[in-house]
Amino acid sequence: MGIHIGNLSKVLKCAGNDDIITLKADDNGDTLTLMFESGKQDRISDFDLKLMSIESEHLGIPDQDYSAEIKMPSSEYQRICKDLASIGDTVLVSATKEGVKFSTSGDVGTANITLRHNTTSDKAEEQTIIELHDPVALTFALRYLNNFAKATPLSPSVKISLTKDLPIVVEYTIGEIGWVKYFLAPKIEDEEAMADDDAAA
């Protein structure tokens, strides 16, 4: 089901803070119905939103045992991505027994931020927990990791999962109702070399 996010946002702004929202769509329909019912049930609003036809290949996400899993405060992840993006365009994420290092370089210089396993805080969401099965190092585009960080208000913590040659998984758990997972393929050395060659030409 394809939905224009901008239009959906406009409709959702019509809902009250205490409204109950119901979404309905027929299997072969071309609209999504959003119904807003006030907490006192004295007002019901409904909106029909036109669906978009999106032709895209469905990408299955297989179950995977990851080389490294890092759980950390989501605000810390957001800050790291923001700080590194002011220096470079890509980030090398390296997980070793010493910790997790985020590294970047650009025209203005280089930057390295290292996180170590830390469970001293009484609050679970403030802890940094690193589960390392095998050392791993992958490079990613900071622009997309920064976009993922926009989900920070949804959860106090974020889990990052890494395995060689596979997409990074950035996961936000939303209370008891579910989660949001972002997947981003790593940059391949051959691609980076070609980009450098093109720039030189």
Protein backbone atom coordinates (compact mmCIF):
# COMPACT_ATOMS: atom_id res chain seq x y z
CA MET A 1 0.00 0.00 0.00
CA GLY A 2 1.59 3.25 -1.15
CA ILE A 3 0.85 6.42 0.81
CA HIS A 4 2.11 9.95 0.16
CA ILE A 5 3.69 10.84 3.51
CA GLY A 6 3.11 14.57 3.09
CA ASN A 7 -0.62 14.08 2.52
CA LEU A 8 -0.86 11.59 5.39
CA SER A 9 0.79 14.14 7.68
CA LYS A 10 -1.76 16.79 6.68
CA VAL A 11 -4.66 14.48 7.52
CA LEU A 12 -3.17 13.34 10.83
CA LYS A 13 -2.89 16.98 11.93
CA CYS A 14 -6.69 17.07 11.87
CA ALA A 15 -6.84 14.56 14.73
CA GLY A 16 -7.15 15.64 18.34
CA ASN A 17 -4.64 14.52 20.96
CA ASP A 18 -7.15 12.16 22.57
CA ASP A 19 -8.77 10.90 19.37
CA ILE A 20 -8.94 7.21 18.53
CA ILE A 21 -7.66 6.67 14.99
CA THR A 22 -8.91 3.85 12.77
CA LEU A 23 -7.35 3.09 9.37
CA LYS A 24 -9.25 1.05 6.78
CA ALA A 25 -8.48 0.00 3.21
CA ASP A 26 -10.03 -2.54 0.85
CA ASP A 27 -7.79 -5.22 -0.62
CA ASN A 28 -8.06 -3.81 -4.14
CA GLY A 29 -9.16 -0.30 -3.23
CA ASP A 30 -7.49 2.94 -4.25
CA THR A 31 -8.10 4.90 -1.03
CA LEU A 32 -7.18 4.71 2.63
CA THR A 33 -9.89 5.76 5.08
CA LEU A 34 -8.81 7.43 8.31
CA MET A 35 -11.47 7.79 11.00
CA PHE A 36 -10.93 10.03 14.03
CA GLU A 37 -13.22 9.46 17.01
CA SER A 38 -13.07 11.79 19.99
CA GLY A 39 -12.49 10.33 23.44
CA LYS A 40 -16.03 11.26 24.46
CA GLN A 41 -17.34 9.70 21.24
CA ASP A 42 -19.31 12.86 20.46
CA ARG A 43 -17.44 13.62 17.24
CA ILE A 44 -16.38 11.37 14.37
CA SER A 45 -14.38 12.58 11.37
CA ASP A 46 -13.39 10.51 8.38
CA PHE A 47 -10.98 11.23 5.56
CA ASP A 48 -10.30 9.31 2.35
CA LEU A 49 -6.69 9.50 1.21
CA LYS A 50 -5.79 8.46 -2.33
CA LEU A 51 -3.28 5.62 -2.48
CA MET A 52 -0.21 5.65 -4.69
CA SER A 53 0.77 2.88 -7.08
CA ILE A 54 4.33 1.90 -6.22
CA GLU A 55 6.09 -0.68 -8.30
CA SER A 56 9.06 -1.98 -6.38
CA GLU A 57 10.71 -5.28 -5.73
CA HIS A 58 9.92 -6.66 -2.29
CA LEU A 59 13.13 -7.16 -0.36
CA GLY A 60 12.97 -10.01 2.11
CA ILE A 61 15.00 -9.59 5.29
CA PRO A 62 16.40 -12.96 6.37
CA ASP A 63 16.99 -13.83 10.01
CA GLN A 64 20.61 -13.16 10.77
CA ASP A 65 23.12 -13.75 13.55
CA TYR A 66 25.08 -10.52 13.82
CA SER A 67 28.79 -10.13 14.51
CA ALA A 68 28.15 -7.17 16.81
CA GLU A 69 25.09 -5.65 18.48
CA ILE A 70 25.31 -2.29 20.20
CA LYS A 71 22.53 -0.90 22.38
CA MET A 72 23.01 2.75 23.30
CA PRO A 73 21.04 5.90 24.15
CA SER A 74 19.32 7.10 20.98
CA SER A 75 20.30 10.69 21.77
CA GLU A 76 23.96 9.63 21.79
CA TYR A 77 23.60 7.95 18.39
CA GLN A 78 21.93 11.08 17.03
CA ARG A 79 24.72 13.29 18.35
CA ILE A 80 27.45 11.07 16.88
CA CYS A 81 25.86 11.11 13.43
CA LYS A 82 25.35 14.87 13.56
CA ASP A 83 28.89 15.62 14.75
CA LEU A 84 30.56 13.34 12.20
CA ALA A 85 28.44 14.68 9.33
CA SER A 86 30.03 18.09 9.89
CA ILE A 87 33.41 16.54 9.04
CA GLY A 88 32.81 13.89 6.37
CA ASP A 89 30.27 12.11 4.18
CA THR A 90 30.91 8.52 5.25
CA VAL A 91 31.53 6.80 8.56
CA LEU A 92 33.56 3.69 9.32
CA VAL A 93 31.90 1.76 12.16
CA SER A 94 34.38 -0.61 13.81
CA ALA A 95 33.41 -3.03 16.59
CA THR A 96 36.25 -4.68 18.51
CA LYS A 97 36.87 -5.88 22.06
CA GLU A 98 37.99 -2.32 22.88
CA GLY A 99 34.59 -0.89 21.97
CA VAL A 100 32.81 0.63 19.00
CA LYS A 101 34.54 3.37 17.02
CA PHE A 102 32.88 5.77 14.58
CA SER A 103 35.43 7.36 12.22
CA THR A 104 35.19 9.86 9.38
CA SER A 105 37.42 12.16 7.37
CA GLY A 106 36.89 15.10 5.06
CA ASP A 107 38.42 18.29 3.74
CA VAL A 108 38.50 19.86 7.20
CA GLY A 109 40.17 16.90 8.93
CA THR A 110 39.31 13.64 10.66
CA ALA A 111 37.18 12.60 13.63
CA ASN A 112 36.94 9.49 15.79
CA ILE A 113 34.36 8.76 18.48
CA THR A 114 34.74 5.61 20.58
CA LEU A 115 32.08 4.09 22.83
CA ARG A 116 32.91 1.48 25.45
CA HIS A 117 30.69 -1.04 27.18
CA ASN A 118 29.12 0.87 30.10
CA THR A 119 26.39 -0.42 32.40
CA THR A 120 27.09 1.81 35.42
CA SER A 121 23.81 3.71 35.05
CA ASP A 122 20.78 2.37 36.91
CA LYS A 123 18.59 3.26 33.92
CA ALA A 124 18.77 0.69 31.13
CA GLU A 125 18.16 3.32 28.45
CA GLU A 126 21.30 5.20 29.53
CA GLN A 127 23.59 2.18 29.28
CA THR A 128 25.84 1.25 26.38
CA ILE A 129 25.83 -2.52 25.91
CA ILE A 130 28.14 -4.10 23.34
CA GLU A 131 27.70 -7.76 22.42
CA LEU A 132 30.64 -8.76 20.23
CA HIS A 133 30.88 -12.17 18.58
CA ASP A 134 33.39 -11.25 15.87
CA PRO A 135 35.23 -8.00 15.09
CA VAL A 136 33.61 -6.13 12.22
CA ALA A 137 34.23 -2.87 10.34
CA LEU A 138 31.88 -1.39 7.74
CA THR A 139 31.53 1.97 5.99
CA PHE A 140 28.19 3.75 5.54
CA ALA A 141 26.85 7.00 4.13
CA LEU A 142 26.33 9.44 7.01
CA ARG A 143 23.45 11.15 5.23
CA TYR A 144 21.24 8.11 5.64
CA LEU A 145 22.32 7.33 9.20
CA ASN A 146 21.41 10.92 10.07
CA ASN A 147 17.98 10.38 8.52
CA PHE A 148 17.52 7.29 10.69
CA ALA A 149 18.35 9.39 13.76
CA LYS A 150 15.18 11.42 13.18
CA ALA A 151 13.39 8.54 14.94
CA THR A 152 15.15 9.44 18.20
CA PRO A 153 11.97 10.86 19.84
CA LEU A 154 10.32 7.44 19.43
CA SER A 155 12.63 5.61 21.83
CA PRO A 156 15.21 6.41 24.53
CA SER A 157 17.56 3.74 23.18
CA VAL A 158 18.64 2.34 19.82
CA LYS A 159 20.14 -1.00 18.81
CA ILE A 160 22.71 -1.20 16.02
CA SER A 161 23.49 -4.60 14.47
CA LEU A 162 26.50 -5.25 12.25
CA THR A 163 27.75 -8.16 10.15
CA LYS A 164 30.39 -8.15 7.42
CA ASP A 165 29.06 -7.38 3.92
CA LEU A 166 25.45 -7.09 5.16
CA PRO A 167 23.28 -4.02 5.80
CA ILE A 168 23.49 -2.29 9.15
CA VAL A 169 20.27 -2.50 11.17
CA VAL A 170 19.27 0.53 13.24
CA GLU A 171 16.33 -0.43 15.47
CA TYR A 172 14.14 1.72 17.70
CA THR A 173 11.75 -0.09 20.07
CA ILE A 174 8.55 1.91 20.57
CA GLY A 175 7.35 1.01 24.05
CA GLU A 176 5.13 -2.06 24.01
CA ILE A 177 3.58 -1.40 20.60
CA GLY A 178 6.36 -2.36 18.20
CA TRP A 179 9.56 -1.17 16.59
CA VAL A 180 11.05 0.69 13.63
CA LYS A 181 14.00 -0.89 11.81
CA TYR A 182 16.16 0.81 9.22
CA PHE A 183 18.49 -1.13 6.91
CA LEU A 184 21.41 0.42 5.03
CA ALA A 185 23.84 -1.44 2.78
CA PRO A 186 27.53 -0.78 3.43
CA LYS A 187 29.65 1.09 0.93
CA ILE A 188 31.86 -1.24 -1.09
CA GLU A 189 35.54 -0.41 -1.56
CA ASP A 190 35.26 -0.85 -5.34
CA GLU A 191 32.45 1.73 -5.44
CA GLU A 192 34.51 4.19 -3.40
CA ALA A 193 37.52 3.69 -5.66
CA MET A 194 35.40 4.28 -8.77
CA ALA A 195 33.96 7.45 -7.21
CA ASP A 196 37.49 8.68 -6.49
CA ASP A 197 38.55 7.91 -10.07
CA ASP A 198 35.54 9.77 -11.47
CA ALA A 199 36.31 12.76 -9.25
CA ALA A 200 39.94 12.76 -10.39
CA ALA A 201 38.88 12.62 -14.04
